C-alpha atoms as a PDB file:
ATOM      1  CA  MET A   1      -4.318  10.392   8.937  1.00  0.00           C
ATOM      2  CA  LYS A   2      -0.932  11.565  11.320  1.00  0.00           C
ATOM      3  CA  ALA A   3       1.358   8.360  10.960  1.00  0.00           C
ATOM      4  CA  SER A   4      -0.045   7.909   6.525  1.00  0.00           C
ATOM      5  CA  THR A   5       1.393  11.651   5.987  1.00  0.00           C
ATOM      6  CA  TYR A   6       4.058  11.899   7.711  1.00  0.00           C
ATOM      7  CA  VAL A   7       5.484   8.272   6.135  1.00  0.00           C
ATOM      8  CA  LEU A   8       5.234   9.544   2.173  1.00  0.00           C
ATOM      9  CA  CYS A   9       7.261  12.555   3.893  1.00  0.00           C
ATOM     10  CA  PHE A  10       9.730  10.651   4.624  1.00  0.00           C
ATOM     11  CA  THR A  11       9.098   8.324   1.222  1.00  0.00           C
ATOM     12  CA  SER A  12       8.071  11.342  -1.293  1.00  0.00           C
ATOM     13  CA  PRO A  13      11.380  12.678  -1.031  1.00  0.00           C
ATOM     14  CA  LEU A  14      13.128   9.427  -0.973  1.00  0.00           C
ATOM     15  CA  ASN A  15      11.409   7.886  -3.849  1.00  0.00           C
ATOM     16  CA  VAL A  16      12.559  11.274  -6.350  1.00  0.00           C
ATOM     17  CA  GLY A  17      16.423  10.642  -4.961  1.00  0.00           C
ATOM     18  CA  LEU A  18      16.178   6.341  -5.963  1.00  0.00           C
ATOM     19  CA  ASN A  19      14.445   7.627  -9.185  1.00  0.00           C
ATOM     20  CA  VAL A  20      17.168   9.428  -9.850  1.00  0.00           C
ATOM     21  CA  VAL A  21      19.899   7.727  -8.800  1.00  0.00           C
ATOM     22  CA  LEU A  22      18.602   3.868 -10.702  1.00  0.00           C
ATOM     23  CA  VAL A  23      17.400   6.144 -13.784  1.00  0.00           C
ATOM     24  CA  HIS A  24      20.097   8.630 -14.825  1.00  0.00           C
ATOM     25  CA  LYS A  25      22.996   6.816 -12.522  1.00  0.00           C
ATOM     26  CA  THR A  26      22.791   3.132 -12.998  1.00  0.00           C
ATOM     27  CA  THR A  27      22.849   1.118 -16.238  1.00  0.00           C
ATOM     28  CA  LEU A  28      18.621   0.512 -15.308  1.00  0.00           C
ATOM     29  CA  GLY A  29      17.238   3.124 -17.635  1.00  0.00           C
ATOM     30  CA  PHE A  30      13.495   3.661 -17.403  1.00  0.00           C
ATOM     31  CA  LEU A  31      13.471   0.361 -15.155  1.00  0.00           C
ATOM     32  CA  GLY A  32      15.352   1.968 -12.142  1.00  0.00           C
ATOM     33  CA  SER A  33      11.923   4.541 -12.108  1.00  0.00           C
ATOM     34  CA  PRO A  34       9.214   1.253 -10.686  1.00  0.00           C
ATOM     35  CA  ILE A  35      11.754  -0.083  -9.052  1.00  0.00           C
ATOM     36  CA  ALA A  36      12.445   2.241  -7.314  1.00  0.00           C
ATOM     37  CA  ILE A  37       8.471   3.168  -7.187  1.00  0.00           C
ATOM     38  CA  SER A  38       8.157  -0.300  -5.551  1.00  0.00           C
ATOM     39  CA  ILE A  39      11.414  -0.078  -2.754  1.00  0.00           C
ATOM     40  CA  THR A  40       9.515   3.260  -1.616  1.00  0.00           C
ATOM     41  CA  TYR A  41       5.660   1.204  -1.588  1.00  0.00           C
ATOM     42  CA  TRP A  42       7.881  -1.929   0.158  1.00  0.00           C
ATOM     43  CA  LEU A  43       9.204   1.001   2.728  1.00  0.00           C
ATOM     44  CA  SER A  44       6.201   2.860   3.408  1.00  0.00           C
ATOM     45  CA  PHE A  45       4.074  -0.408   4.076  1.00  0.00           C
ATOM     46  CA  PHE A  46       7.049  -2.052   6.811  1.00  0.00           C
ATOM     47  CA  ILE A  47       7.587   1.960   7.843  1.00  0.00           C
ATOM     48  CA  LEU A  48       3.459   1.785   8.980  1.00  0.00           C
ATOM     49  CA  ALA A  49       3.498  -1.417  10.354  1.00  0.00           C
ATOM     50  CA  ILE A  50       6.028  -0.422  12.995  1.00  0.00           C
ATOM     51  CA  PHE A  51       4.439   2.616  13.078  1.00  0.00           C
ATOM     52  CA  THR A  52       1.144   1.070  14.392  1.00  0.00           C
ATOM     53  CA  ALA A  53       2.134  -1.305  16.097  1.00  0.00           C
ATOM     54  CA  LEU A  54       4.054   0.175  18.637  1.00  0.00           C
ATOM     55  CA  SER A  55       1.478   3.503  18.628  1.00  0.00           C
ATOM     56  CA  PRO A  56       0.379   4.027  21.685  1.00  0.00           C
ATOM     57  CA  SER A  57      -2.981   5.200  20.601  1.00  0.00           C
ATOM     58  CA  HIS A  58      -3.550   2.281  18.908  1.00  0.00           C
ATOM     59  CA  ARG A  59      -2.181  -0.404  21.992  1.00  0.00           C
ATOM     60  CA  SER A  60      -5.188   2.569  24.458  1.00  0.00           C
ATOM     61  CA  ASN A  61      -8.170   1.632  22.164  1.00  0.00           C
ATOM     62  CA  LYS A  62      -7.848  -1.860  20.727  1.00  0.00           C
ATOM     63  CA  THR A  63      -8.200  -0.383  17.121  1.00  0.00           C
ATOM     64  CA  TRP A  64      -5.362  -3.247  15.939  1.00  0.00           C
ATOM     65  CA  ALA A  65      -4.824  -6.724  17.534  1.00  0.00           C
ATOM     66  CA  GLY A  66      -1.726  -7.473  15.782  1.00  0.00           C
ATOM     67  CA  ILE A  67      -1.566 -10.043  12.949  1.00  0.00           C
ATOM     68  CA  GLN A  68      -2.976 -13.224  13.736  1.00  0.00           C
ATOM     69  CA  LEU A  69      -2.010 -15.845  11.322  1.00  0.00           C
ATOM     70  CA  ARG A  70      -5.108 -17.808  12.951  1.00  0.00           C
ATOM     71  CA  LYS A  71      -7.203 -15.124  11.061  1.00  0.00           C
ATOM     72  CA  ILE A  72      -5.897 -15.090   7.603  1.00  0.00           C
ATOM     73  CA  PHE A  73      -7.250 -19.103   6.547  1.00  0.00           C
ATOM     74  CA  ASP A  74     -10.580 -18.562   8.506  1.00  0.00           C
ATOM     75  CA  VAL A  75     -13.323 -18.971   6.328  1.00  0.00           C
ATOM     76  CA  THR A  76     -16.314 -16.717   7.993  1.00  0.00           C
ATOM     77  CA  ALA A  77     -13.283 -13.739   7.781  1.00  0.00           C
ATOM     78  CA  ALA A  78     -13.094 -13.867   4.323  1.00  0.00           C
ATOM     79  CA  MET A  79     -16.408 -13.595   3.761  1.00  0.00           C
ATOM     80  CA  GLU A  80     -16.555 -10.402   5.423  1.00  0.00           C
ATOM     81  CA  ILE A  81     -14.570  -9.189   3.471  1.00  0.00           C
ATOM     82  CA  LEU A  82     -15.140 -10.380  -0.284  1.00  0.00           C
ATOM     83  CA  LYS A  83     -18.751  -8.672   0.820  1.00  0.00           C
ATOM     84  CA  LEU A  84     -16.869  -5.634   0.684  1.00  0.00           C
ATOM     85  CA  ALA A  85     -14.383  -6.383  -1.647  1.00  0.00           C
ATOM     86  CA  ILE A  86     -16.471  -7.565  -4.732  1.00  0.00           C
ATOM     87  CA  PRO A  87     -18.449  -4.523  -5.220  1.00  0.00           C
ATOM     88  CA  GLY A  88     -15.242  -2.449  -4.999  1.00  0.00           C
ATOM     89  CA  ILE A  89     -14.171  -4.671  -7.738  1.00  0.00           C
ATOM     90  CA  ILE A  90     -16.837  -4.986 -10.401  1.00  0.00           C
ATOM     91  CA  MET A  91     -17.371  -1.001  -9.781  1.00  0.00           C
ATOM     92  CA  VAL A  92     -13.529  -0.218 -10.840  1.00  0.00           C
ATOM     93  CA  ALA A  93     -14.341  -3.034 -13.960  1.00  0.00           C
ATOM     94  CA  THR A  94     -17.131  -1.191 -15.254  1.00  0.00           C
ATOM     95  CA  GLU A  95     -14.788   2.286 -14.965  1.00  0.00           C
ATOM     96  CA  TRP A  96     -12.081   0.499 -16.906  1.00  0.00           C
ATOM     97  CA  CYS A  97     -14.995  -0.730 -19.140  1.00  0.00           C
ATOM     98  CA  GLU A  98     -16.702   2.380 -19.575  1.00  0.00           C
ATOM     99  CA  SER A  99     -13.105   3.941 -20.250  1.00  0.00           C
ATOM    100  CA  TYR A 100     -12.474   2.040 -23.552  1.00  0.00           C
ATOM    101  CA  SER A 101     -15.918   1.102 -24.974  1.00  0.00           C
ATOM    102  CA  PRO A 102     -15.613   2.712 -28.616  1.00  0.00           C
ATOM    103  CA  PHE A 103     -18.526   4.669 -28.184  1.00  0.00           C
END
């Protein structure tokens, strides 16, 4: 939780600055806001990935083995992820359907 908090403390003010610059100082107008958010999300991802890869605590307790390209196409690993993902997808879909229900 510390890593994500540190990254958010860095990228949140950056997001505000990017929004101000892209919305008010360029010709993008309101289209600058989603661009600023996209930049912030990608920057957060890359900083967290680097933080995790270089973290001594993750190396010592082996919580992240790094990016393993052979595991990306592994069917058994994909099935394990789907076992976790499908109930979440169903839950979000039912909440979405419920909120747009005419009743």
